[in-house]
Amino acid sequence: MAQQSSQARLGPPPMSADDAACRACCGQMRAHWQERPHARLMVVASTPVVEAFGGGVETRYLCLECGHTLMHSTGRFGQGWH
């Protein structure tokens, strides 16, 4: 009997044919800016932002379910989930 080798999946998950966000990502985009990320979001990058009247942090997340990228901003302008 030949044994099948399991392949580790590298890179982001594939997007769906219509590039639709999963239900959790759709809900996250409508969430209040203080809401925590859903369970399948992984931090990709986090960068401090300097603004004239106070700074914040922009964090980029990748969804392990559907492959969408979401941005969370805590700065004075553009605050929230994008």
C-alpha atoms as a PDB file:
ATOM      1  CA  MET A   1       0.000   0.000   0.000  1.00  0.00           C
ATOM      2  CA  ALA A   2       1.227   3.430  -0.877  1.00  0.00           C
ATOM      3  CA  GLN A   3       0.969   6.044   1.844  1.00  0.00           C
ATOM      4  CA  GLN A   4      -0.302   9.494   0.988  1.00  0.00           C
ATOM      5  CA  SER A   5       1.817  12.352   2.229  1.00  0.00           C
ATOM      6  CA  SER A   6       0.011  15.296   3.743  1.00  0.00           C
ATOM      7  CA  GLN A   7       0.924  18.640   2.216  1.00  0.00           C
ATOM      8  CA  ALA A   8       1.142  21.701   4.445  1.00  0.00           C
ATOM      9  CA  ARG A   9      -0.895  24.550   2.990  1.00  0.00           C
ATOM     10  CA  LEU A  10       1.325  27.593   2.545  1.00  0.00           C
ATOM     11  CA  GLY A  11       0.202  31.158   1.978  1.00  0.00           C
ATOM     12  CA  PRO A  12      -3.219  32.701   2.422  1.00  0.00           C
ATOM     13  CA  PRO A  13      -6.322  30.635   1.846  1.00  0.00           C
ATOM     14  CA  PRO A  14      -7.734  30.828  -1.671  1.00  0.00           C
ATOM     15  CA  MET A  15     -10.447  33.398  -2.323  1.00  0.00           C
ATOM     16  CA  SER A  16     -13.812  32.120  -3.468  1.00  0.00           C
ATOM     17  CA  ALA A  17     -14.754  32.354  -7.139  1.00  0.00           C
ATOM     18  CA  ASP A  18     -16.815  35.496  -6.529  1.00  0.00           C
ATOM     19  CA  ASP A  19     -14.394  36.978  -3.939  1.00  0.00           C
ATOM     20  CA  ALA A  20     -17.162  36.950  -1.326  1.00  0.00           C
ATOM     21  CA  ALA A  21     -16.197  37.609   2.277  1.00  0.00           C
ATOM     22  CA  CYS A  22     -17.254  35.004   4.813  1.00  0.00           C
ATOM     23  CA  ARG A  23     -20.123  35.780   7.184  1.00  0.00           C
ATOM     24  CA  ALA A  24     -17.730  36.578  10.054  1.00  0.00           C
ATOM     25  CA  CYS A  25     -15.785  39.116   7.925  1.00  0.00           C
ATOM     26  CA  CYS A  26     -19.000  40.792   6.747  1.00  0.00           C
ATOM     27  CA  GLY A  27     -20.041  41.158  10.381  1.00  0.00           C
ATOM     28  CA  GLN A  28     -16.598  42.433  11.352  1.00  0.00           C
ATOM     29  CA  MET A  29     -16.731  45.213   8.738  1.00  0.00           C
ATOM     30  CA  ARG A  30     -19.980  46.462  10.323  1.00  0.00           C
ATOM     31  CA  ALA A  31     -18.754  46.076  13.917  1.00  0.00           C
ATOM     32  CA  HIS A  32     -18.102  48.929  16.332  1.00  0.00           C
ATOM     33  CA  TRP A  33     -14.491  50.102  16.202  1.00  0.00           C
ATOM     34  CA  GLN A  34     -13.820  48.739  19.712  1.00  0.00           C
ATOM     35  CA  GLU A  35     -14.969  45.196  18.837  1.00  0.00           C
ATOM     36  CA  ARG A  36     -12.323  42.476  18.986  1.00  0.00           C
ATOM     37  CA  PRO A  37     -11.397  40.643  15.757  1.00  0.00           C
ATOM     38  CA  HIS A  38     -13.263  37.424  14.992  1.00  0.00           C
ATOM     39  CA  ALA A  39     -11.598  34.100  15.790  1.00  0.00           C
ATOM     40  CA  ARG A  40     -10.292  33.355  12.260  1.00  0.00           C
ATOM     41  CA  LEU A  41      -8.448  36.695  11.774  1.00  0.00           C
ATOM     42  CA  MET A  42      -4.656  36.574  11.960  1.00  0.00           C
ATOM     43  CA  VAL A  43      -2.505  39.698  12.454  1.00  0.00           C
ATOM     44  CA  VAL A  44      -0.333  40.347   9.395  1.00  0.00           C
ATOM     45  CA  ALA A  45       1.099  43.777  10.271  1.00  0.00           C
ATOM     46  CA  SER A  46       0.671  46.492  12.874  1.00  0.00           C
ATOM     47  CA  THR A  47       1.968  50.021  12.350  1.00  0.00           C
ATOM     48  CA  PRO A  48       1.837  53.131  14.548  1.00  0.00           C
ATOM     49  CA  VAL A  49       0.356  56.149  12.756  1.00  0.00           C
ATOM     50  CA  VAL A  50       1.366  59.723  13.553  1.00  0.00           C
ATOM     51  CA  GLU A  51      -1.339  62.334  13.030  1.00  0.00           C
ATOM     52  CA  ALA A  52      -1.429  66.065  13.718  1.00  0.00           C
ATOM     53  CA  PHE A  53      -3.857  65.756  16.655  1.00  0.00           C
ATOM     54  CA  GLY A  54      -2.912  62.364  18.056  1.00  0.00           C
ATOM     55  CA  GLY A  55      -1.832  59.067  16.625  1.00  0.00           C
ATOM     56  CA  GLY A  56      -3.113  55.556  16.583  1.00  0.00           C
ATOM     57  CA  VAL A  57      -2.326  52.078  15.341  1.00  0.00           C
ATOM     58  CA  GLU A  58      -3.328  50.477  12.055  1.00  0.00           C
ATOM     59  CA  THR A  59      -3.435  46.687  12.163  1.00  0.00           C
ATOM     60  CA  ARG A  60      -3.901  44.522   9.071  1.00  0.00           C
ATOM     61  CA  TYR A  61      -5.602  41.131   9.492  1.00  0.00           C
ATOM     62  CA  LEU A  62      -5.932  38.164   7.131  1.00  0.00           C
ATOM     63  CA  CYS A  63      -8.974  35.908   7.415  1.00  0.00           C
ATOM     64  CA  LEU A  64      -7.966  32.259   7.513  1.00  0.00           C
ATOM     65  CA  GLU A  65     -11.471  31.277   6.383  1.00  0.00           C
ATOM     66  CA  CYS A  66     -12.019  33.335   3.206  1.00  0.00           C
ATOM     67  CA  GLY A  67      -8.692  35.099   2.525  1.00  0.00           C
ATOM     68  CA  HIS A  68     -10.000  38.658   2.895  1.00  0.00           C
ATOM     69  CA  THR A  69      -7.760  41.350   4.360  1.00  0.00           C
ATOM     70  CA  LEU A  70      -9.291  43.650   6.974  1.00  0.00           C
ATOM     71  CA  MET A  71      -7.775  46.789   8.475  1.00  0.00           C
ATOM     72  CA  HIS A  72      -8.439  48.078  11.989  1.00  0.00           C
ATOM     73  CA  SER A  73      -7.545  51.671  12.808  1.00  0.00           C
ATOM     74  CA  THR A  74      -7.470  53.288  16.262  1.00  0.00           C
ATOM     75  CA  GLY A  75      -6.455  56.745  15.014  1.00  0.00           C
ATOM     76  CA  ARG A  76      -8.602  59.838  15.347  1.00  0.00           C
ATOM     77  CA  PHE A  77      -9.495  59.859  11.639  1.00  0.00           C
ATOM     78  CA  GLY A  78     -10.750  56.688   9.951  1.00  0.00           C
ATOM     79  CA  GLN A  79     -11.246  54.881  13.254  1.00  0.00           C
ATOM     80  CA  GLY A  80     -12.769  51.412  12.974  1.00  0.00           C
ATOM     81  CA  TRP A  81     -12.843  48.303  10.794  1.00  0.00           C
ATOM     82  CA  HIS A  82     -12.221  48.698   7.058  1.00  0.00           C
END
